């Protein structure tokens, strides 16, 4: 629109976070140094906070651009998620498929991926933007993920980027363990008047084709006064100034034009109320149904965080109090569920140990039991084992009217005298009785 008129390659004050237009102010250079230190030293959690529009995302994009191929980055932008959805979102960004898996299976797959990356010499970096919207259970889940480590270093580096109220949330007693793991922390402050002037003219010079257009000092002072040094509002005012100047064909920007632009933006509500760089309230609206349930169930209970609201001079619980109470209730519910699961698992393991011990005792005692002891216990007669094989019986063949032994199987048999009944039987059957010398 106005690029050709002011000899610009592109719009220098676009609201999209572009690392090419990052102005290296004092706070932004310090923040980048803290980020690089946290990553290179494999520290614990890294926390970067700043007001809305302070340039956190642009700073993050600049930092990610400087990383080498040995760093694998998972970035979570939407933080209105429960703990499981947060884990799934990180896995999807890393190229893992969480579909249809239980949470233990998700954690195992995630852990195996981290170990594989570390074996390949790569660092896995989890960046969570807009972290102030995370619930207490989600923050606790992030702390549990940070427990994935080897004997010498962490397998996962975590960076939290958020608005100032993220610090208030991290200061709560429930997140003491997470807060102790934060090793690098920095807050982006707003630009002062001189930095605002340098910021505006830096962007104009980056986008200029020929001799760069410059905003004079009185113009940049007016922009700083209305924007409070917040880079996003500076961009809005400066871009509108170029649009107005192009419409009136002004090749130079003066104080009268900037006053007209600011008045028009205020009249139309584009700039909104004056920004507060130290705001500590969440921008996420609270659901009315959750407010009612929280007021009826959690806030009114004895010993709840809201029980002493009157002692602080309040007439009733605020929206932030109700939100805190709701998050505490969710955290306690999740904690009780985990404690129950752990107790059930411990009982199962104890029963398995008892069964294995009994089986081992029986197996160990069985080979050592003597045969006579077992027979004495059961009342049975001792039998030699293995039994001796019986001598084979020689086969019989018929020879005339008699059955005789087969040749080669001669077995000694004592001779017996035939008795009277045998003689009678042989006589009736017509069997001749052999005549032996000892029978005569």
Protein backbone atom coordinates (compact mmCIF):
# COMPACT_ATOMS: atom_id res chain seq x y z
CA UNK A 1 0.00 0.00 0.00
CA UNK A 2 2.50 2.66 1.13
CA UNK A 3 5.70 0.67 0.44
CA UNK A 4 6.41 2.27 -2.98
CA UNK A 5 5.63 5.78 -1.76
CA UNK A 6 8.16 5.51 1.09
CA UNK A 7 10.61 3.30 -0.88
CA UNK A 8 10.22 0.24 1.33
CA UNK A 9 10.60 -3.41 0.40
CA UNK A 10 7.84 -4.46 2.76
CA UNK A 11 5.86 -3.23 5.72
CA UNK A 12 8.36 -2.66 8.53
CA UNK A 13 5.78 -2.68 11.33
CA UNK A 14 3.85 -5.87 10.58
CA UNK A 15 2.49 -7.58 13.68
CA UNK A 16 3.84 -11.01 12.73
CA UNK A 17 6.95 -11.96 14.78
CA UNK A 18 9.83 -11.65 12.31
CA UNK A 19 13.36 -12.30 13.66
CA UNK A 20 14.82 -10.15 10.85
CA UNK A 21 13.32 -7.07 12.50
CA UNK A 22 14.32 -7.82 16.08
CA UNK A 23 15.84 -4.69 17.58
CA UNK A 24 18.71 -5.69 19.90
CA UNK A 25 17.71 -3.57 22.87
CA UNK A 26 19.36 -4.07 26.22
CA UNK A 27 16.60 -6.31 27.57
CA UNK A 28 16.34 -8.37 24.38
CA UNK A 29 20.09 -8.97 24.24
CA UNK A 30 20.10 -10.02 27.87
CA UNK A 31 17.14 -12.34 27.33
CA UNK A 32 18.86 -13.98 24.36
CA UNK A 33 22.00 -14.46 26.43
CA UNK A 34 20.01 -16.13 29.19
CA UNK A 35 18.27 -18.42 26.71
CA UNK A 36 21.53 -19.49 25.08
CA UNK A 37 23.14 -20.08 28.46
CA UNK A 38 20.24 -22.24 29.63
CA UNK A 39 20.36 -24.38 26.49
CA UNK A 40 24.14 -24.74 26.25
CA UNK A 41 24.56 -25.55 29.93
CA UNK A 42 21.75 -28.13 29.92
CA UNK A 43 20.25 -26.36 32.91
CA UNK A 44 16.85 -27.09 34.42
CA UNK A 45 13.83 -25.02 33.51
CA UNK A 46 14.27 -21.72 31.67
CA UNK A 47 11.53 -19.13 32.24
CA UNK A 48 11.14 -15.96 30.14
CA UNK A 49 8.26 -13.59 30.90
CA UNK A 50 7.12 -10.26 29.57
CA UNK A 51 4.04 -8.11 29.09
CA UNK A 52 1.64 -8.63 26.17
CA UNK A 53 3.36 -7.49 22.98
CA UNK A 54 6.79 -7.17 24.58
CA UNK A 55 8.44 -9.26 21.85
CA UNK A 56 8.63 -12.67 23.56
CA UNK A 57 7.65 -14.63 20.45
CA UNK A 58 10.02 -12.67 18.20
CA UNK A 59 12.79 -13.30 20.70
CA UNK A 60 11.94 -17.00 20.72
CA UNK A 61 11.96 -17.18 16.91
CA UNK A 62 15.37 -15.54 16.87
CA UNK A 63 16.75 -18.01 19.38
CA UNK A 64 15.36 -21.03 17.48
CA UNK A 65 16.92 -19.75 14.27
CA UNK A 66 20.38 -19.92 15.83
CA UNK A 67 20.10 -23.58 16.85
CA UNK A 68 22.08 -26.17 14.93
CA UNK A 69 20.94 -29.52 13.53
CA UNK A 70 21.92 -31.27 16.75
CA UNK A 71 18.90 -29.80 18.55
CA UNK A 72 15.42 -31.29 18.16
CA UNK A 73 12.70 -28.78 19.05
CA UNK A 74 9.12 -29.48 20.12
CA UNK A 75 7.02 -26.33 20.35
CA UNK A 76 3.63 -26.09 22.04
CA UNK A 77 1.69 -22.93 21.22
CA UNK A 78 -1.83 -23.71 22.48
CA UNK A 79 -1.64 -24.23 26.23
CA UNK A 80 -5.35 -24.58 27.04
CA UNK A 81 -4.74 -28.30 27.49
CA UNK A 82 -5.00 -30.89 30.24
CA UNK A 83 -1.87 -32.86 31.22
CA UNK A 84 -2.45 -35.73 28.76
CA UNK A 85 -3.25 -33.37 25.87
CA UNK A 86 -0.09 -31.41 26.64
CA UNK A 87 1.99 -34.59 26.40
CA UNK A 88 0.25 -35.61 23.16
CA UNK A 89 0.81 -32.16 21.65
CA UNK A 90 4.55 -32.34 22.37
CA UNK A 91 4.79 -35.85 20.91
CA UNK A 92 2.93 -34.85 17.73
CA UNK A 93 5.30 -31.93 17.22
CA UNK A 94 8.20 -34.37 17.53
CA UNK A 95 6.69 -36.64 14.88
CA UNK A 96 5.47 -39.34 17.29
CA UNK A 97 2.02 -40.92 17.02
CA UNK A 98 0.11 -40.92 20.35
CA UNK A 99 -3.14 -42.24 18.83
CA UNK A 100 -4.87 -44.99 20.81
CA UNK A 101 -2.18 -45.35 23.48
CA UNK A 102 -2.60 -45.29 27.23
CA UNK A 103 -0.70 -42.73 29.22
CA UNK A 104 1.95 -45.23 30.44
CA UNK A 105 2.48 -46.25 26.81
CA UNK A 106 2.80 -42.58 25.82
CA UNK A 107 5.43 -41.97 28.48
CA UNK A 108 7.36 -45.09 27.45
CA UNK A 109 7.32 -44.05 23.77
CA UNK A 110 8.36 -40.52 24.69
CA UNK A 111 11.18 -41.77 26.92
CA UNK A 112 12.47 -44.16 24.26
CA UNK A 113 12.52 -41.28 21.77
CA UNK A 114 14.53 -39.10 24.16
CA UNK A 115 17.04 -41.89 24.79
CA UNK A 116 17.42 -42.42 21.04
CA UNK A 117 18.04 -38.73 20.45
CA UNK A 118 20.62 -38.59 23.23
CA UNK A 119 22.36 -41.66 21.81
CA UNK A 120 22.55 -39.85 18.47
CA UNK A 121 24.13 -36.83 20.18
CA UNK A 122 21.07 -34.58 19.84
CA UNK A 123 19.41 -32.39 22.47
CA UNK A 124 15.60 -32.35 22.72
CA UNK A 125 14.17 -28.92 23.52
CA UNK A 126 10.54 -28.48 24.62
CA UNK A 127 9.36 -24.87 24.23
CA UNK A 128 5.98 -23.94 25.69
CA UNK A 129 4.65 -20.53 24.67
CA UNK A 130 1.81 -18.80 26.54
CA UNK A 131 2.70 -20.91 29.57
CA UNK A 132 0.67 -18.67 31.89
CA UNK A 133 -2.48 -20.49 30.70
CA UNK A 134 -1.30 -23.88 31.94
CA UNK A 135 -3.24 -25.38 34.84
CA UNK A 136 -1.51 -26.59 37.98
CA UNK A 137 -1.86 -30.29 36.98
CA UNK A 138 -0.38 -29.46 33.56
CA UNK A 139 2.59 -27.71 35.19
CA UNK A 140 3.04 -30.70 37.48
CA UNK A 141 3.05 -32.96 34.40
CA UNK A 142 5.82 -30.83 32.91
CA UNK A 143 7.82 -31.24 36.11
CA UNK A 144 7.39 -35.01 35.90
CA UNK A 145 8.66 -34.95 32.30
CA UNK A 146 11.80 -33.19 33.52
CA UNK A 147 12.57 -36.31 35.60
CA UNK A 148 13.58 -38.11 32.39
CA UNK A 149 17.33 -38.03 32.74
CA UNK A 150 20.50 -40.06 32.63
CA UNK A 151 23.14 -40.33 35.35
CA UNK A 152 24.89 -37.21 34.07
CA UNK A 153 22.35 -34.93 32.32
CA UNK A 154 18.72 -34.26 31.51
CA UNK A 155 17.16 -35.89 28.47
CA UNK A 156 14.74 -32.98 27.99
CA UNK A 157 15.36 -29.23 28.17
CA UNK A 158 12.20 -27.18 28.92
CA UNK A 159 11.63 -23.47 28.21
CA UNK A 160 8.52 -21.69 29.50
CA UNK A 161 7.51 -18.43 27.80
CA UNK A 162 4.64 -16.46 29.29
CA UNK A 163 3.13 -13.27 30.62
CA UNK A 164 3.94 -11.83 34.07
CA UNK A 165 1.23 -13.82 35.85
CA UNK A 166 3.21 -16.98 35.03
CA UNK A 167 5.61 -15.93 37.78
CA UNK A 168 2.74 -15.55 40.24
CA UNK A 169 1.55 -19.03 39.37
CA UNK A 170 5.02 -20.49 39.84
CA UNK A 171 5.25 -18.84 43.27
CA UNK A 172 2.36 -20.91 44.63
CA UNK A 173 3.20 -23.45 47.35
CA UNK A 174 1.86 -26.35 45.25
CA UNK A 175 4.58 -25.78 42.65
CA UNK A 176 7.51 -25.63 45.07
CA UNK A 177 9.25 -28.60 43.42
CA UNK A 178 8.93 -27.05 39.97
CA UNK A 179 10.11 -23.64 41.17
CA UNK A 180 13.27 -25.16 42.67
CA UNK A 181 14.21 -26.58 39.26
CA UNK A 182 14.17 -23.18 37.54
CA UNK A 183 17.81 -22.26 36.96
CA UNK A 184 17.42 -19.44 34.39
CA UNK A 185 14.75 -16.75 34.66
CA UNK A 186 14.38 -13.37 32.97
CA UNK A 187 11.64 -10.74 32.60
CA UNK A 188 11.40 -8.57 29.47
CA UNK A 189 10.84 -4.95 30.47
CA UNK A 190 9.31 -2.27 28.25
CA UNK A 191 11.48 -0.02 26.08
CA UNK A 192 12.41 3.42 27.32
CA UNK A 193 12.06 6.57 25.18
CA UNK A 194 15.52 6.30 23.57
CA UNK A 195 15.08 2.60 22.83
CA UNK A 196 11.67 3.31 21.30
CA UNK A 197 13.24 5.82 18.87
CA UNK A 198 16.00 3.38 17.93
CA UNK A 199 13.46 0.55 17.60
CA UNK A 200 11.30 2.49 15.12
CA UNK A 201 14.16 3.73 12.95
CA UNK A 202 15.86 0.32 13.06
CA UNK A 203 12.81 -1.28 11.48
CA UNK A 204 12.51 1.50 8.89
CA UNK A 205 16.15 1.03 7.91
CA UNK A 206 15.74 -2.76 7.60
CA UNK A 207 12.82 -2.39 5.18
CA UNK A 208 14.18 0.57 3.21
CA UNK A 209 15.37 0.26 -0.39
CA UNK A 210 17.17 3.58 -0.68
CA UNK A 211 17.82 6.26 1.89
CA UNK A 212 15.84 5.17 4.95
CA UNK A 213 12.90 7.17 6.23
CA UNK A 214 13.30 8.34 9.84
CA UNK A 215 10.83 9.42 12.48
CA UNK A 216 12.01 12.58 14.31
CA UNK A 217 12.55 12.59 18.06
CA UNK A 218 9.33 14.43 18.91
CA UNK A 219 7.33 11.85 16.95
CA UNK A 220 8.99 8.88 18.63
CA UNK A 221 8.52 10.55 22.03
CA UNK A 222 4.76 10.79 21.41
CA UNK A 223 4.65 7.18 20.27
CA UNK A 224 6.49 6.07 23.41
CA UNK A 225 4.19 8.06 25.67
CA UNK A 226 1.09 6.37 24.22
CA UNK A 227 2.51 2.86 23.87
CA UNK A 228 4.39 2.76 27.21
CA UNK A 229 7.30 1.24 25.30
CA UNK A 230 5.43 -1.98 24.36
CA UNK A 231 6.76 -3.08 20.93
CA UNK A 232 3.42 -4.32 19.59
CA UNK A 233 1.67 -1.02 20.29
CA UNK A 234 4.64 0.82 18.80
CA UNK A 235 4.13 -1.20 15.62
CA UNK A 236 0.40 -0.43 15.52
CA UNK A 237 0.92 3.33 15.90
CA UNK A 238 3.88 3.48 13.48
CA UNK A 239 2.09 1.47 10.78
CA UNK A 240 -1.01 3.66 11.06
CA UNK A 241 1.24 6.74 10.80
CA UNK A 242 2.65 5.52 7.47
CA UNK A 243 -0.86 4.82 6.22
CA UNK A 244 -2.06 8.34 7.16
CA UNK A 245 1.07 9.90 5.69
CA UNK A 246 0.59 8.02 2.41
CA UNK A 247 -3.07 9.10 2.28
CA UNK A 248 -2.08 12.74 2.68
CA UNK A 249 1.05 12.31 0.52
CA UNK A 250 3.42 13.43 3.24
CA UNK A 251 6.96 12.41 2.54
CA UNK A 252 8.00 13.36 6.08
CA UNK A 253 6.36 12.46 9.38
CA UNK A 254 5.83 15.33 11.85
CA UNK A 255 4.25 15.84 15.28
CA UNK A 256 0.90 17.08 13.92
CA UNK A 257 0.47 13.89 11.91
CA UNK A 258 1.30 11.59 14.83
CA UNK A 259 -1.12 13.47 17.10
CA UNK A 260 -3.85 12.98 14.51
CA UNK A 261 -3.04 9.29 14.20
CA UNK A 262 -3.08 8.63 17.96
CA UNK A 263 -6.35 10.55 18.38
CA UNK A 264 -7.98 8.49 15.62
CA UNK A 265 -6.72 5.19 17.03
CA UNK A 266 -8.02 6.07 20.48
CA UNK A 267 -11.37 7.16 19.09
CA UNK A 268 -11.86 3.91 17.20
CA UNK A 269 -10.67 1.78 20.15
CA UNK A 270 -7.78 0.19 18.23
CA UNK A 271 -5.24 0.89 20.97
CA UNK A 272 -7.63 0.07 23.79
CA UNK A 273 -6.90 1.12 27.37
CA UNK A 274 -3.39 2.06 28.26
CA UNK A 275 -1.30 -1.07 28.70
CA UNK A 276 0.15 -2.11 32.02
CA UNK A 277 3.49 -3.85 31.61
CA UNK A 278 3.22 -5.18 35.17
CA UNK A 279 -0.20 -6.77 34.78
CA UNK A 280 -0.51 -9.99 36.81
CA UNK A 281 -3.96 -11.17 35.75
CA UNK A 282 -4.66 -13.90 33.25
CA UNK A 283 -6.25 -12.93 29.96
CA UNK A 284 -8.05 -16.28 29.73
CA UNK A 285 -11.75 -15.84 30.63
CA UNK A 286 -13.21 -18.06 33.32
CA UNK A 287 -16.19 -20.22 32.37
CA UNK A 288 -19.38 -19.18 34.19
CA UNK A 289 -20.41 -22.79 34.96
CA UNK A 290 -17.04 -23.50 36.49
CA UNK A 291 -17.32 -20.33 38.55
CA UNK A 292 -20.67 -21.44 39.96
CA UNK A 293 -19.45 -24.96 40.74
CA UNK A 294 -16.28 -23.60 42.29
CA UNK A 295 -18.19 -21.12 44.44
CA UNK A 296 -20.65 -23.78 45.58
CA UNK A 297 -18.22 -26.66 46.14
CA UNK A 298 -14.68 -25.44 46.77
CA UNK A 299 -14.78 -21.86 47.91
CA UNK A 300 -17.40 -22.30 50.60
CA UNK A 301 -15.67 -25.27 52.23
CA UNK A 302 -13.87 -24.95 55.51
CA UNK A 303 -10.13 -24.77 55.21
CA UNK A 304 -10.30 -23.72 51.55
CA UNK A 305 -8.12 -20.91 50.19
CA UNK A 306 -11.18 -18.66 50.15
CA UNK A 307 -12.20 -19.25 53.74
CA UNK A 308 -10.17 -16.27 54.96
CA UNK A 309 -11.05 -13.92 52.10
CA UNK A 310 -12.80 -11.52 54.47
CA UNK A 311 -9.68 -11.13 56.58
CA UNK A 312 -7.94 -9.54 53.59
CA UNK A 313 -10.61 -6.83 53.33
CA UNK A 314 -12.59 -8.48 50.53
CA UNK A 315 -16.35 -8.62 50.39
CA UNK A 316 -16.26 -11.91 48.46
CA UNK A 317 -14.05 -14.16 46.34
CA UNK A 318 -12.65 -12.66 43.17
CA UNK A 319 -12.39 -14.33 39.78
CA UNK A 320 -8.73 -15.11 40.41
CA UNK A 321 -9.60 -16.66 43.78
CA UNK A 322 -12.26 -18.88 42.24
CA UNK A 323 -9.88 -19.92 39.49
CA UNK A 324 -7.21 -20.77 42.06
CA UNK A 325 -9.70 -22.79 44.11
CA UNK A 326 -10.83 -24.71 41.03
CA UNK A 327 -7.27 -25.52 40.05
CA UNK A 328 -6.49 -26.67 43.57
CA UNK A 329 -9.50 -28.98 43.51
CA UNK A 330 -8.40 -30.46 40.20
CA UNK A 331 -4.88 -30.91 41.48
CA UNK A 332 -6.07 -32.67 44.65
CA UNK A 333 -8.35 -34.93 42.62
CA UNK A 334 -5.50 -35.91 40.30
CA UNK A 335 -3.18 -36.46 43.28
CA UNK A 336 -5.69 -38.77 45.00
CA UNK A 337 -6.16 -40.75 41.80
CA UNK A 338 -2.40 -41.24 41.47
CA UNK A 339 -2.09 -42.26 45.12
CA UNK A 340 -4.85 -44.84 44.64
CA UNK A 341 -3.14 -46.25 41.53
CA UNK A 342 0.16 -46.50 43.40
CA UNK A 343 -1.49 -48.28 46.35
CA UNK A 344 -3.20 -50.81 44.05
CA UNK A 345 0.05 -51.48 42.23
CA UNK A 346 1.93 -51.98 45.51
CA UNK A 347 -0.66 -54.53 46.65
CA UNK A 348 -0.34 -56.40 43.36
CA UNK A 349 3.44 -56.46 43.63
CA UNK A 350 3.29 -57.69 47.25
CA UNK A 351 0.97 -60.55 46.25
CA UNK A 352 3.24 -61.49 43.35
CA UNK A 353 6.27 -61.52 45.65
CA UNK A 354 4.44 -63.77 48.14
CA UNK A 355 3.44 -66.29 45.44
CA UNK A 356 6.95 -66.37 44.00
CA UNK A 357 8.44 -66.88 47.46
CA UNK A 358 6.12 -69.85 48.14
CA UNK A 359 6.94 -71.42 44.79
CA UNK A 360 10.66 -70.98 45.36
CA UNK A 361 10.39 -72.56 48.81
CA UNK A 362 8.57 -75.62 47.44
CA UNK A 363 10.99 -76.06 44.54
CA UNK A 364 13.98 -75.75 46.84
CA UNK A 365 12.63 -78.30 49.36
CA UNK A 366 11.54 -81.00 46.85
CA UNK A 367 14.97 -82.27 45.61
CA UNK A 368 16.37 -82.46 49.14
CA UNK A 369 13.64 -84.78 50.51
CA UNK A 370 14.94 -88.31 51.15
CA UNK A 371 12.89 -91.30 49.82
CA UNK A 372 12.57 -93.00 53.23
CA UNK A 373 11.40 -89.71 54.77
CA UNK A 374 8.68 -89.33 52.16
CA UNK A 375 7.54 -92.94 52.67
CA UNK A 376 7.50 -92.50 56.42
CA UNK A 377 5.32 -89.40 56.05
CA UNK A 378 2.83 -91.14 53.74
CA UNK A 379 2.92 -94.60 55.43
CA UNK A 380 3.95 -96.37 52.20
CA UNK A 381 6.52 -99.17 51.88
CA UNK A 382 9.89 -98.17 50.55
CA UNK A 383 10.40 -99.28 46.97
CA UNK A 384 13.75 -99.23 45.23
CA UNK A 385 13.88 -96.90 42.28
CA UNK A 386 14.40 -97.47 39.46
CA UNK A 387 12.99 -101.05 39.57
CA UNK A 388 15.21 -103.83 38.28
CA UNK A 389 14.20 -105.30 35.00
CA UNK A 390 12.82 -108.88 35.11
CA UNK A 391 14.75 -111.54 33.31
CA UNK A 392 13.29 -112.24 29.88
CA UNK A 393 11.28 -115.47 29.57
CA UNK A 394 12.49 -117.83 26.84
CA UNK A 395 10.02 -118.43 24.01
CA UNK A 396 8.37 -121.88 23.65
CA UNK A 397 8.07 -123.94 20.45
CA UNK A 398 6.05 -127.12 19.82
CA UNK A 399 7.95 -130.31 19.37
CA UNK A 400 5.51 -133.11 18.64
CA UNK A 401 2.95 -133.02 21.38
CA UNK A 402 5.06 -130.98 23.75
CA UNK A 403 6.10 -127.33 24.13
CA UNK A 404 9.81 -127.00 24.53
CA UNK A 405 12.17 -124.04 24.84
CA UNK A 406 13.49 -122.43 21.73
CA UNK A 407 17.10 -123.25 20.94
CA UNK A 408 19.58 -120.92 22.59
CA UNK A 409 17.33 -120.12 25.55
CA UNK A 410 18.07 -123.00 27.79
CA UNK A 411 16.97 -122.28 31.31
CA UNK A 412 17.55 -124.62 34.14
CA UNK A 413 14.35 -125.96 35.66
CA UNK A 414 14.33 -128.42 38.53
CA UNK A 415 12.67 -131.75 37.82
CA UNK A 416 9.49 -132.45 39.69
CA UNK A 417 7.77 -135.73 40.30
CA UNK A 418 4.32 -136.14 38.78
CA UNK A 419 1.65 -136.65 41.33
CA UNK A 420 -1.42 -138.86 41.19
CA UNK A 421 -3.88 -136.22 39.92
CA UNK A 422 -1.46 -135.27 37.11
CA UNK A 423 -1.22 -138.89 36.01
CA UNK A 424 -4.99 -139.24 36.05
CA UNK A 425 -5.34 -136.06 33.98
CA UNK A 426 -2.81 -137.23 31.41
CA UNK A 427 -4.55 -140.63 31.20
CA UNK A 428 -7.97 -139.05 30.57
CA UNK A 429 -6.58 -136.71 27.93
CA UNK A 430 -4.57 -139.45 26.27
CA UNK A 431 -1.26 -137.82 26.93
CA UNK A 432 1.49 -140.39 27.36
CA UNK A 433 3.30 -140.05 30.63
CA UNK A 434 7.08 -139.86 30.22
CA UNK A 435 8.98 -142.59 31.89
CA UNK A 436 11.83 -141.33 34.00
CA UNK A 437 14.43 -143.33 35.72
CA UNK A 438 13.61 -141.96 39.12
CA UNK A 439 9.91 -142.94 38.70
CA UNK A 440 10.56 -146.69 38.23
